[in-house]
Protein backbone atom coordinates (compact mmCIF):
# COMPACT_ATOMS: atom_id res chain seq x y z
CA MET A 1 26.74 -23.04 -71.76
CA SER A 2 23.96 -22.35 -69.32
CA ALA A 3 24.03 -19.10 -67.40
CA PRO A 4 25.36 -19.34 -63.83
CA VAL A 5 22.67 -19.62 -61.22
CA ALA A 6 22.63 -16.64 -58.87
CA ALA A 7 23.03 -17.50 -55.25
CA ALA A 8 19.92 -16.96 -53.16
CA PRO A 9 20.21 -13.80 -51.07
CA VAL A 10 20.98 -14.40 -47.41
CA ALA A 11 18.82 -12.46 -44.98
CA ALA A 12 20.79 -10.26 -42.63
CA ALA A 13 20.53 -11.32 -39.00
CA PRO A 14 20.43 -8.47 -36.48
CA VAL A 15 23.09 -8.51 -33.79
CA ALA A 16 21.60 -8.41 -30.31
CA ALA A 17 22.64 -5.33 -28.32
CA ALA A 18 23.28 -7.55 -25.30
CA GLN A 19 25.25 -10.20 -27.21
CA GLY A 20 28.15 -11.38 -25.05
CA ARG A 21 26.92 -9.39 -22.06
CA ASP A 22 24.86 -10.24 -19.01
CA VAL A 23 24.36 -8.98 -15.45
CA GLY A 24 27.53 -10.73 -14.27
CA TRP A 25 29.52 -9.06 -17.06
CA LEU A 26 28.31 -5.64 -15.92
CA VAL A 27 29.23 -6.26 -12.27
CA GLU A 28 32.69 -7.57 -13.19
CA THR A 29 33.41 -4.85 -15.77
CA TRP A 30 33.17 -2.02 -13.27
CA ALA A 31 35.12 -4.05 -10.68
CA ARG A 32 38.02 -4.25 -13.14
CA ARG A 33 37.72 -0.70 -14.45
CA THR A 34 37.22 1.25 -11.20
CA PRO A 35 37.78 -1.25 -8.39
CA ASP A 36 38.09 1.29 -5.58
CA ARG A 37 35.16 3.51 -6.54
CA PRO A 38 32.36 3.40 -3.91
CA PHE A 39 29.25 1.68 -5.22
CA LEU A 40 26.84 0.58 -2.46
CA LEU A 41 26.47 2.76 0.64
CA TRP A 42 24.05 1.32 3.20
CA SER A 43 22.44 3.91 5.50
CA PRO A 44 20.24 2.06 8.04
CA PHE A 45 18.04 3.81 10.57
CA ASP A 46 19.59 1.68 13.33
CA GLY A 47 22.91 -0.11 13.42
CA ASP A 48 26.13 0.41 11.54
CA PRO A 49 26.29 1.73 7.98
CA GLY A 50 27.95 -0.36 5.28
CA ARG A 51 30.14 0.43 2.30
CA TRP A 52 31.08 -1.61 -0.78
CA THR A 53 33.45 -0.52 -3.51
CA ARG A 54 32.85 -1.89 -7.00
CA ARG A 55 35.48 -4.58 -6.38
CA GLU A 56 34.02 -5.53 -2.99
CA PHE A 57 30.50 -5.69 -4.39
CA ALA A 58 31.65 -7.95 -7.24
CA ALA A 59 33.59 -10.19 -4.83
CA ASP A 60 30.54 -10.70 -2.59
CA VAL A 61 28.31 -11.34 -5.61
CA ASP A 62 30.85 -13.95 -6.73
CA ARG A 63 30.84 -15.66 -3.31
CA ILE A 64 27.04 -15.79 -3.12
CA ALA A 65 26.65 -17.10 -6.67
CA GLY A 66 29.26 -19.80 -6.06
CA ALA A 67 27.71 -20.82 -2.74
CA LEU A 68 24.18 -21.02 -4.17
CA HIS A 69 25.45 -23.11 -7.07
CA ALA A 70 27.31 -25.39 -4.66
CA HIS A 71 24.04 -25.82 -2.76
CA GLY A 72 22.29 -26.96 -5.93
CA LEU A 73 20.87 -23.82 -7.57
CA ARG A 74 21.08 -24.21 -11.33
CA PRO A 75 20.68 -21.83 -14.28
CA GLY A 76 17.01 -21.31 -15.11
CA GLU A 77 15.81 -22.20 -11.61
CA ARG A 78 14.03 -19.58 -9.53
CA PHE A 79 15.25 -18.14 -6.26
CA ALA A 80 12.96 -15.82 -4.28
CA LEU A 81 13.90 -12.71 -2.34
CA VAL A 82 11.38 -11.99 0.43
CA LEU A 83 13.36 -9.07 1.78
CA PRO A 84 13.07 -5.42 2.74
CA ASN A 85 15.61 -2.93 1.43
CA GLY A 86 19.13 -3.87 2.43
CA PRO A 87 22.50 -4.96 1.00
CA ALA A 88 21.40 -8.61 1.05
CA PHE A 89 18.73 -7.89 -1.56
CA LEU A 90 21.06 -6.24 -4.09
CA LEU A 91 23.96 -8.63 -3.58
CA THR A 92 21.77 -11.73 -3.89
CA TRP A 93 19.75 -10.40 -6.84
CA ALA A 94 22.98 -9.75 -8.73
CA ALA A 95 24.41 -13.14 -7.71
CA VAL A 96 21.32 -15.10 -8.80
CA ALA A 97 21.25 -13.29 -12.15
CA SER A 98 25.01 -13.76 -12.64
CA LEU A 99 24.59 -17.48 -12.10
CA GLY A 100 21.89 -17.64 -14.78
CA ALA A 101 19.14 -18.41 -12.28
CA VAL A 102 16.07 -16.18 -11.89
CA ALA A 103 15.50 -13.78 -8.99
CA VAL A 104 11.85 -13.65 -7.86
CA CYS A 105 11.26 -10.32 -6.13
CA LEU A 106 8.49 -10.42 -3.52
CA ASN A 107 7.09 -7.90 -1.08
CA PRO A 108 8.17 -9.00 2.42
CA ARG A 109 4.85 -7.72 3.79
CA LEU A 110 2.82 -10.34 1.88
CA SER A 111 0.49 -12.50 3.93
CA ARG A 112 1.13 -16.23 4.19
CA ASP A 113 -1.64 -16.86 1.64
CA GLU A 114 -0.07 -14.41 -0.80
CA LEU A 115 3.38 -15.90 -0.23
CA THR A 116 2.06 -19.42 -0.78
CA TYR A 117 0.61 -18.36 -4.11
CA ALA A 118 3.68 -16.46 -5.37
CA LEU A 119 6.27 -19.00 -4.21
CA GLY A 120 4.20 -21.85 -5.62
CA HIS A 121 3.41 -20.11 -8.88
CA SER A 122 7.07 -19.20 -9.45
CA GLU A 123 8.22 -22.69 -8.38
CA ALA A 124 10.98 -21.13 -6.31
CA VAL A 125 13.55 -23.72 -5.21
CA GLY A 126 15.20 -21.38 -2.73
CA VAL A 127 14.24 -18.33 -0.66
CA LEU A 128 16.18 -15.67 1.22
CA THR A 129 14.18 -13.85 3.87
CA THR A 130 14.44 -12.22 7.31
CA PRO A 131 14.09 -13.99 10.68
CA ASP A 132 10.63 -12.52 11.33
CA ARG A 133 9.28 -13.96 8.05
CA ALA A 134 11.16 -17.26 8.08
CA ASP A 135 8.38 -19.36 9.65
CA ASN A 136 5.74 -18.05 7.26
CA VAL A 137 8.02 -18.62 4.27
CA ALA A 138 8.82 -22.16 5.44
CA LEU A 139 5.10 -22.93 5.65
CA ALA A 140 4.39 -21.26 2.31
CA ALA A 141 7.16 -23.13 0.44
CA PRO A 142 8.12 -26.22 2.47
CA ALA A 143 10.13 -27.77 -0.36
CA ALA A 144 12.30 -24.70 -0.98
CA ARG A 145 15.75 -24.32 0.52
CA LEU A 146 15.48 -21.51 3.08
CA TYR A 147 18.13 -18.91 3.88
CA VAL A 148 17.79 -16.17 6.49
CA ASP A 149 19.48 -12.79 6.63
CA GLY A 150 20.16 -12.84 10.37
CA ALA A 151 20.07 -15.26 13.29
CA CYS A 152 18.00 -18.38 12.63
CA GLY A 153 17.48 -21.98 13.60
CA ALA A 154 20.25 -24.47 12.96
CA ALA A 155 18.25 -26.18 10.20
CA ARG A 156 18.28 -23.04 8.06
CA GLY A 157 21.03 -21.51 6.00
CA THR A 158 22.14 -17.93 6.52
CA PHE A 159 23.06 -15.04 4.27
CA ALA A 160 26.31 -14.72 6.22
CA GLY A 161 27.02 -18.36 5.40
CA LEU A 162 26.72 -17.62 1.68
CA LEU A 163 29.45 -15.00 2.07
CA ALA A 164 31.80 -17.23 4.05
CA GLY A 165 34.89 -18.81 2.56
CA ASP A 166 36.44 -18.62 -0.88
CA PRO A 167 34.28 -18.34 -4.02
CA ALA A 168 33.18 -21.63 -5.53
CA PRO A 169 33.01 -22.07 -9.32
CA TYR A 170 29.72 -21.57 -11.14
CA PRO A 171 28.65 -21.26 -14.80
CA ARG A 172 29.48 -17.95 -16.50
CA GLY A 173 28.05 -16.29 -19.58
CA VAL A 174 24.25 -16.21 -19.72
CA ALA A 175 22.35 -15.87 -23.02
CA PRO A 176 20.68 -12.47 -23.55
CA GLY A 177 17.20 -13.99 -23.79
CA ALA A 178 17.52 -16.08 -20.62
CA PRO A 179 15.19 -14.98 -17.80
CA ALA A 180 16.87 -12.95 -15.07
CA SER A 181 14.15 -11.56 -12.80
CA ILE A 182 10.44 -11.87 -12.03
CA GLN A 183 8.33 -9.14 -10.43
CA TYR A 184 4.74 -9.79 -9.39
CA THR A 185 2.38 -7.01 -10.43
CA SER A 186 -1.19 -6.36 -9.37
CA GLY A 187 -3.84 -5.65 -11.98
CA THR A 188 -7.27 -6.67 -13.11
CA THR A 189 -6.90 -10.33 -12.15
CA ALA A 190 -7.64 -11.94 -8.80
CA ARG A 191 -4.01 -12.96 -8.39
CA PRO A 192 -0.89 -10.95 -9.35
CA LYS A 193 0.92 -11.87 -12.57
CA GLY A 194 4.60 -12.74 -12.72
CA VAL A 195 6.37 -10.40 -15.15
CA VAL A 196 9.52 -11.97 -16.60
CA TRP A 197 12.58 -9.87 -17.50
CA SER A 198 15.45 -11.31 -19.50
CA GLN A 199 19.16 -10.64 -19.03
CA ALA A 200 18.90 -8.28 -22.01
CA SER A 201 16.03 -6.46 -20.28
CA ALA A 202 18.14 -5.93 -17.17
CA LEU A 203 20.93 -4.39 -19.26
CA TRP A 204 18.40 -2.31 -21.22
CA ALA A 205 16.97 -1.02 -17.94
CA GLY A 206 20.42 0.06 -16.83
CA GLN A 207 21.55 1.67 -20.06
CA VAL A 208 18.31 3.46 -20.96
CA GLY A 209 17.47 4.41 -17.37
CA ALA A 210 20.92 5.94 -16.90
CA ALA A 211 20.54 7.91 -20.13
CA HIS A 212 17.09 9.22 -19.16
CA GLN A 213 18.42 10.45 -15.79
CA GLY A 214 21.75 11.65 -17.12
CA LEU A 215 23.58 9.42 -14.63
CA GLY A 216 27.35 9.07 -14.80
CA PRO A 217 30.24 7.90 -12.61
CA GLY A 218 30.08 11.07 -10.52
CA ASP A 219 26.43 10.65 -9.49
CA VAL A 220 25.17 9.45 -6.11
CA ASN A 221 21.64 8.02 -6.27
CA LEU A 222 19.62 8.10 -3.03
CA VAL A 223 17.32 5.05 -3.00
CA HIS A 224 14.51 4.72 -0.47
CA LEU A 225 11.67 3.14 -2.49
CA PRO A 226 11.20 -0.67 -2.19
CA LEU A 227 13.67 -2.72 -4.23
CA PHE A 228 11.13 -5.43 -5.07
CA HIS A 229 9.40 -2.85 -7.32
CA THR A 230 10.46 -1.76 -10.79
CA ASN A 231 11.05 1.85 -9.75
CA ALA A 232 13.91 1.15 -7.34
CA LEU A 233 15.20 -2.02 -9.02
CA SER A 234 15.25 -0.71 -12.59
CA TYR A 235 15.24 3.09 -12.47
CA SER A 236 17.66 3.35 -9.54
CA PHE A 237 19.75 0.20 -8.97
CA LEU A 238 20.26 -1.04 -12.53
CA SER A 239 20.76 2.50 -13.85
CA THR A 240 23.45 3.13 -11.23
CA LEU A 241 25.01 -0.29 -11.81
CA TRP A 242 25.29 0.60 -15.51
CA SER A 243 26.47 4.21 -15.13
CA GLY A 244 29.39 3.64 -12.75
CA GLY A 245 28.05 5.90 -10.00
CA ALA A 246 27.23 5.19 -6.37
CA LEU A 247 23.98 4.17 -4.69
CA VAL A 248 22.94 5.19 -1.17
CA LEU A 249 20.36 2.71 0.12
CA GLN A 250 17.89 3.40 2.94
CA PRO A 251 15.53 0.85 4.54
CA ARG A 252 12.51 2.88 3.38
CA PHE A 253 11.41 6.45 2.81
CA SER A 254 11.62 8.70 5.86
CA ALA A 255 10.73 12.38 5.52
CA SER A 256 12.78 13.29 8.60
CA ARG A 257 15.87 11.42 7.36
CA PHE A 258 15.68 12.31 3.66
CA TRP A 259 17.58 15.59 3.69
CA PRO A 260 20.19 14.70 6.36
CA THR A 261 21.05 11.49 4.48
CA ALA A 262 21.21 13.30 1.15
CA VAL A 263 23.64 15.87 2.52
CA ARG A 264 25.75 13.32 4.40
CA TYR A 265 26.42 11.25 1.26
CA GLY A 266 26.33 14.03 -1.33
CA ALA A 267 23.32 12.64 -3.20
CA THR A 268 22.83 14.07 -6.69
CA TRP A 269 19.70 12.21 -7.78
CA SER A 270 16.68 10.41 -6.30
CA SER A 271 13.46 8.83 -7.47
CA VAL A 272 10.37 9.93 -5.55
CA VAL A 273 6.63 9.32 -5.69
CA SER A 274 3.82 11.71 -4.91
CA PHE A 275 3.58 10.38 -1.35
CA CYS A 276 7.20 11.45 -0.75
CA LEU A 277 6.55 14.95 -2.06
CA ARG A 278 3.54 15.37 0.23
CA ALA A 279 5.44 13.99 3.23
CA LEU A 280 8.39 16.36 2.64
CA GLU A 281 6.17 19.44 2.79
CA GLY A 282 7.10 21.53 5.83
CA HIS A 283 10.47 19.88 6.40
CA ASP A 284 13.50 22.14 6.55
CA VAL A 285 15.65 21.99 3.44
CA PRO A 286 19.41 22.39 3.97
CA GLU A 287 21.10 25.27 2.19
CA HIS A 288 23.84 23.07 0.80
CA HIS A 289 22.97 19.88 -1.01
CA ARG A 290 24.16 18.38 -4.29
CA PHE A 291 20.87 17.31 -5.88
CA ARG A 292 20.61 18.25 -9.54
CA GLY A 293 17.18 16.67 -9.98
CA TRP A 294 14.66 13.99 -9.06
CA GLY A 295 12.50 11.58 -11.02
CA ASN A 296 8.73 11.48 -10.42
CA SER A 297 5.50 10.39 -12.08
CA ALA A 298 4.95 13.98 -13.22
CA VAL A 299 7.03 17.09 -13.83
CA VAL A 300 7.65 19.12 -10.65
CA THR A 301 9.03 22.63 -10.99
CA PRO A 302 11.87 23.75 -8.70
CA SER A 303 10.63 25.16 -5.40
CA ALA A 304 11.76 25.80 -1.85
CA ALA A 305 10.25 22.45 -0.79
CA THR A 306 12.33 20.54 -3.35
CA GLY A 307 15.53 22.30 -2.45
CA GLY A 308 15.41 24.32 -5.65
CA VAL A 309 15.64 21.32 -7.97
CA GLY A 310 13.04 20.07 -10.39
CA ALA A 311 11.73 16.59 -11.03
CA ILE A 312 11.45 15.09 -14.48
CA GLY A 313 8.19 13.33 -15.27
CA TRP A 314 8.32 9.71 -16.33
CA PHE A 315 6.03 6.77 -16.84
CA GLY A 316 6.85 3.11 -16.80
CA MET A 317 5.40 -0.24 -15.82
CA THR A 318 6.92 -3.54 -14.80
CA GLU A 319 6.06 -4.72 -18.31
CA THR A 320 7.97 -1.85 -19.99
CA VAL A 321 11.20 -2.43 -17.97
CA THR A 322 12.01 1.30 -17.88
CA HIS A 323 10.38 4.57 -19.06
CA PRO A 324 8.62 4.77 -22.45
CA LEU A 325 7.62 8.31 -21.41
CA VAL A 326 10.14 10.73 -19.94
CA SER A 327 10.82 14.45 -19.78
CA ASP A 328 14.13 16.29 -19.46
CA LEU A 329 15.52 18.56 -16.75
CA HIS A 330 16.68 21.04 -19.39
CA HIS A 331 13.35 21.00 -21.25
CA PRO A 332 10.90 19.70 -18.64
CA GLY A 333 7.57 20.66 -20.16
CA ALA A 334 4.57 21.80 -18.16
CA ALA A 335 4.32 21.03 -14.45
CA GLY A 336 2.09 18.01 -13.92
CA SER A 337 2.74 16.43 -17.32
CA MET A 338 4.05 12.86 -17.49
CA GLY A 339 6.73 13.49 -20.10
CA ARG A 340 7.07 12.78 -23.80
CA ALA A 341 7.55 9.67 -25.90
CA ALA A 342 11.04 8.30 -25.23
CA SER A 343 13.15 7.81 -28.35
CA GLU A 344 13.81 4.17 -27.40
CA TYR A 345 10.12 3.18 -27.67
CA ASP A 346 7.16 3.62 -30.01
CA VAL A 347 4.30 5.32 -28.17
CA ALA A 348 0.70 5.73 -29.32
CA VAL A 349 -2.50 7.18 -27.86
CA VAL A 350 -5.59 5.58 -29.39
CA ASP A 351 -9.36 5.84 -29.04
CA ASP A 352 -11.72 2.97 -28.26
CA GLU A 353 -11.55 1.82 -31.89
CA GLY A 354 -7.75 1.81 -31.89
CA ARG A 355 -7.41 4.96 -34.00
CA PRO A 356 -4.74 7.58 -33.13
CA VAL A 357 -6.18 10.56 -31.23
CA VAL A 358 -5.59 14.09 -32.44
CA PRO A 359 -3.65 16.49 -30.19
CA GLY A 360 -5.93 17.63 -27.41
CA GLY A 361 -7.69 14.27 -27.26
CA ASP A 362 -7.30 11.43 -24.80
CA GLY A 363 -7.20 7.70 -25.16
CA GLU A 364 -5.40 4.53 -24.12
CA LEU A 365 -1.62 4.66 -23.94
CA ARG A 366 0.06 1.90 -25.94
CA VAL A 367 3.76 1.08 -26.13
CA ARG A 368 5.75 -0.90 -28.66
CA GLY A 369 9.27 -2.20 -28.28
CA VAL A 370 11.18 -5.48 -28.47
CA ARG A 371 9.80 -8.36 -26.44
CA GLY A 372 12.45 -9.74 -24.13
CA VAL A 373 14.51 -6.54 -24.31
CA SER A 374 12.63 -3.26 -23.93
CA LEU A 375 9.40 -5.06 -23.04
CA PHE A 376 8.87 -8.01 -20.72
CA SER A 377 9.28 -11.53 -22.09
CA GLU A 378 6.02 -12.98 -20.80
CA TYR A 379 3.64 -13.37 -17.90
CA LEU A 380 5.00 -16.45 -16.16
CA GLY A 381 2.97 -19.54 -17.02
CA ASP A 382 0.15 -17.55 -18.60
CA ALA A 383 0.32 -17.54 -22.38
CA ALA A 384 -3.28 -16.34 -22.67
CA ALA A 385 -2.68 -13.25 -20.51
CA THR A 386 0.55 -12.53 -22.39
CA ALA A 387 -1.21 -12.69 -25.76
CA ALA A 388 -4.09 -10.55 -24.50
CA ALA A 389 -1.67 -7.82 -23.38
CA PHE A 390 -0.64 -7.12 -26.98
CA THR A 391 -2.47 -6.08 -30.13
CA ALA A 392 -2.11 -8.10 -33.31
CA ASP A 393 0.58 -5.69 -34.54
CA GLY A 394 2.63 -5.82 -31.35
CA TRP A 395 1.48 -2.84 -29.27
CA PHE A 396 1.41 -3.40 -25.50
CA ARG A 397 -1.85 -2.24 -23.93
CA THR A 398 -1.03 -0.29 -20.77
CA GLY A 399 -4.65 0.17 -19.66
CA ASP A 400 -3.84 3.79 -18.71
CA ARG A 401 -5.73 6.67 -20.26
CA VAL A 402 -3.70 9.77 -21.14
CA ARG A 403 -4.16 13.06 -22.97
CA LEU A 404 -1.85 14.18 -25.76
CA ASP A 405 -1.45 17.96 -25.87
CA GLU A 406 -0.56 20.14 -28.85
CA GLY A 407 3.12 20.24 -27.88
CA GLY A 408 3.54 16.48 -27.61
CA ASP A 409 3.47 16.25 -23.82
CA LEU A 410 1.33 13.55 -22.26
CA TRP A 411 -0.95 14.00 -19.26
CA PHE A 412 -2.36 11.29 -17.03
CA VAL A 413 -6.16 11.04 -17.15
CA GLU A 414 -7.01 7.79 -15.35
CA ARG A 415 -5.80 4.27 -14.87
CA ASP A 416 -7.84 1.15 -15.28
CA LYS A 417 -10.44 1.63 -12.58
CA ASP A 418 -9.81 -1.81 -11.12
CA VAL A 419 -6.24 -0.84 -10.23
CA LEU A 420 -5.82 1.37 -7.16
CA LYS A 421 -2.67 3.32 -6.32
CA VAL A 422 -2.17 3.39 -2.55
CA GLY A 423 0.92 5.29 -1.43
CA GLY A 424 2.78 4.25 -4.57
CA GLU A 425 1.64 0.60 -4.39
CA ASN A 426 -0.57 -0.81 -7.15
CA ILE A 427 -3.48 -2.88 -5.83
CA GLY A 428 -5.85 -4.85 -8.02
CA ALA A 429 -9.42 -4.53 -6.78
CA PRO A 430 -10.10 -8.16 -7.85
CA GLU A 431 -7.46 -9.34 -5.34
CA ILE A 432 -9.49 -7.85 -2.47
CA GLU A 433 -12.83 -8.90 -3.97
CA ARG A 434 -11.63 -12.52 -4.21
CA VAL A 435 -10.99 -12.61 -0.46
CA LEU A 436 -14.29 -10.99 0.49
CA ARG A 437 -16.31 -13.36 -1.72
CA GLY A 438 -15.06 -16.17 0.52
CA VAL A 439 -16.64 -14.64 3.64
CA ALA A 440 -19.83 -16.30 4.91
CA GLY A 441 -23.00 -14.69 3.61
CA VAL A 442 -21.35 -12.47 0.97
CA ASP A 443 -23.12 -12.31 -2.38
CA GLU A 444 -21.47 -9.50 -4.36
CA VAL A 445 -18.42 -7.31 -3.76
CA ALA A 446 -17.21 -4.06 -5.31
CA VAL A 447 -13.92 -2.48 -4.22
CA VAL A 448 -13.12 1.10 -5.27
CA GLY A 449 -10.73 3.85 -4.22
CA ARG A 450 -11.55 6.65 -1.81
CA PRO A 451 -9.43 9.83 -2.14
CA ASP A 452 -6.76 10.20 0.55
CA ARG A 453 -4.54 13.24 0.93
CA MET A 454 -1.34 11.37 1.86
CA LEU A 455 -1.76 8.03 0.10
CA GLY A 456 -3.61 9.22 -3.00
CA GLU A 457 -6.43 6.75 -2.49
CA VAL A 458 -7.35 3.87 -0.20
CA PRO A 459 -9.57 0.83 -0.84
CA VAL A 460 -13.18 0.73 0.37
CA ALA A 461 -15.33 -2.38 -0.07
CA PHE A 462 -19.08 -2.51 -0.68
CA VAL A 463 -20.66 -5.93 -0.10
CA THR A 464 -24.16 -7.36 -0.34
CA ALA A 465 -25.53 -10.37 1.52
CA ARG A 466 -27.10 -13.45 0.00
CA SER A 467 -30.87 -13.73 0.40
CA GLY A 468 -31.79 -14.67 3.97
CA GLU A 469 -28.21 -14.34 5.26
CA ARG A 470 -26.17 -11.63 6.92
CA VAL A 471 -22.57 -10.53 6.55
CA SER A 472 -20.38 -9.90 9.57
CA VAL A 473 -18.10 -6.92 9.04
CA GLU A 474 -15.87 -8.31 11.78
CA ALA A 475 -15.53 -11.62 9.92
CA ALA A 476 -14.83 -9.81 6.64
CA THR A 477 -12.19 -7.65 8.31
CA ALA A 478 -10.57 -10.72 9.87
CA ALA A 479 -10.43 -12.50 6.49
CA CYS A 480 -8.69 -9.52 4.92
CA ALA A 481 -6.23 -9.32 7.82
CA GLU A 482 -5.37 -13.00 7.39
CA LEU A 483 -5.16 -13.21 3.61
CA LEU A 484 -4.05 -9.75 2.45
CA THR A 485 -0.97 -7.70 3.20
CA ASP A 486 -1.70 -4.57 5.22
CA PHE A 487 -1.77 -1.96 2.44
CA LYS A 488 -4.30 -4.02 0.43
CA ARG A 489 -6.84 -4.25 3.25
CA PRO A 490 -9.98 -2.12 2.85
CA ARG A 491 -10.05 0.91 5.12
CA GLU A 492 -13.80 0.40 5.38
CA ILE A 493 -16.20 -2.44 4.59
CA ARG A 494 -19.80 -1.36 4.00
CA VAL A 495 -22.67 -3.85 3.90
CA VAL A 496 -25.30 -2.44 1.52
CA ASP A 497 -28.68 -3.64 0.28
CA ASP A 498 -27.67 -3.49 -3.37
CA LEU A 499 -25.00 -2.13 -5.71
CA PRO A 500 -25.60 0.47 -8.45
CA ARG A 501 -25.87 -0.95 -11.97
CA SER A 502 -24.86 0.21 -15.42
CA THR A 503 -25.62 -1.29 -18.81
CA LEU A 504 -25.60 -5.08 -19.08
CA ASP A 505 -26.31 -5.20 -15.33
CA LYS A 506 -22.64 -4.55 -14.47
CA VAL A 507 -21.81 -2.93 -11.14
CA ALA A 508 -21.41 0.82 -11.71
CA LYS A 509 -18.19 1.37 -9.78
CA ALA A 510 -18.05 4.95 -11.06
CA VAL A 511 -21.13 5.73 -8.98
CA LEU A 512 -19.44 4.34 -5.85
CA ARG A 513 -16.25 6.29 -6.54
CA THR A 514 -18.25 9.49 -6.96
CA GLN A 515 -20.09 8.82 -3.71
CA LEU A 516 -16.82 8.36 -1.80
CA ALA A 517 -15.24 11.44 -3.40
CA GLU A 518 -18.22 13.59 -2.39
CA GLU A 519 -18.15 12.24 1.18
CA THR A 520 -14.41 12.93 1.42
CA ALA A 521 -14.85 16.48 0.12
CA VAL A 522 -17.52 17.19 2.73
CA LEU A 523 -15.27 15.89 5.53
CA GLU A 524 -12.31 17.94 4.31
CA ASP A 525 -14.48 21.07 4.13
CA ALA A 526 -15.63 20.43 7.69
CA ARG A 527 -12.02 20.12 8.89
CA ALA A 528 -10.92 23.30 7.08
């Protein structure tokens, strides 16, 4: 008899952490488990505050999802939110994701040109916006179904209308890899890129973000940063949605309202940026508050100005979903450091040849995780940019330069010089340069950052004129006002005879940055 043939081994298939779960599952789970626990507390500067328990939040999400589906929104289609902070943003984001459609998060301050690009690029079939932006949105995306959060013309739908009546049925149960949200991020391209998060990424953001901040059902998270950004959407909202705690939402950051609001609602945690810390200097801190800590881009030691609490350092990007670097309130590390490698990610610091740096050295920060879970799925409609963002062995190139110290803490050195950070907003210099190249007479353009005490840095443009022509600063300023949102506009436009050069005849932006830094230092010395 012949020997029995051994069966071929079957490869084990990993079970996805998000299998059987999606954003809708998370919303409904807490509504069943703790229906009467407060979840969303709206604290406007004007008008009446609002309050949603977990059950009430889930019920409104259900109504909006059913209404949007009844109006024709289908799983996989994109629905844009052109909204400031407010309950409508969070309720609709959760409803769109629960339905299996994709929420496109856009800055409501975008110019009509910027809106036209983003709404067209994302192929949004519906948009929710405010009355003051409705006309611009309608012109930017004439084929999209328009909804307005507030009074509007009879031809437009309203957010209130989505909440009216009984919930309509809609598909449930979205696959973990299905897209859930798109954020547009500025960088080294002339137009922002659409960063796609999956349903699994949204759950990862909540679970890992909550763990990094130590959030639980008893926490109250004060949120004042813009929800269309990763910081507030991922670090604050999704982390609180996951953890079972409550979220206090403000329209925007206000130094004069920060402490009174925190005390009124018993806030225990908040995410801040360096602009907030500078703005809070000199404000009276109440003796009794419940903060146990803050999150920030760098470790901040407890002080009188922070109410005696410290801030953990963390680093994340839209592409990394949450923080691949983070410190700990109990073991914070040195003040000013960014944090340490988070256990949920692989982190590397490499030199220009891709070799690991020794402690004490600096290099590019790279991050490795799981695409479509702990890292973004793709840049929307741009396979080439997606491929270029990763090394052959799967490391995501952040473009940020950091220093690794002997103890394992990481320190920020510099970001890609074509990305400016203005009051917490990333601005790609090529976005501004694209607009200025379209101005009559302009030959070359170089945009760099000038140091600014409150905002960190602000954009300044240097332009040259084509031979025999002249450039009107007034015309250049008008073009920026028309085509760029306010925080992207150069604070100064200088017409110069030529631009400094480096090797290969490239514009030496470092020379221009040094020039502006020296000028700023002289002015500050004169004011002192």
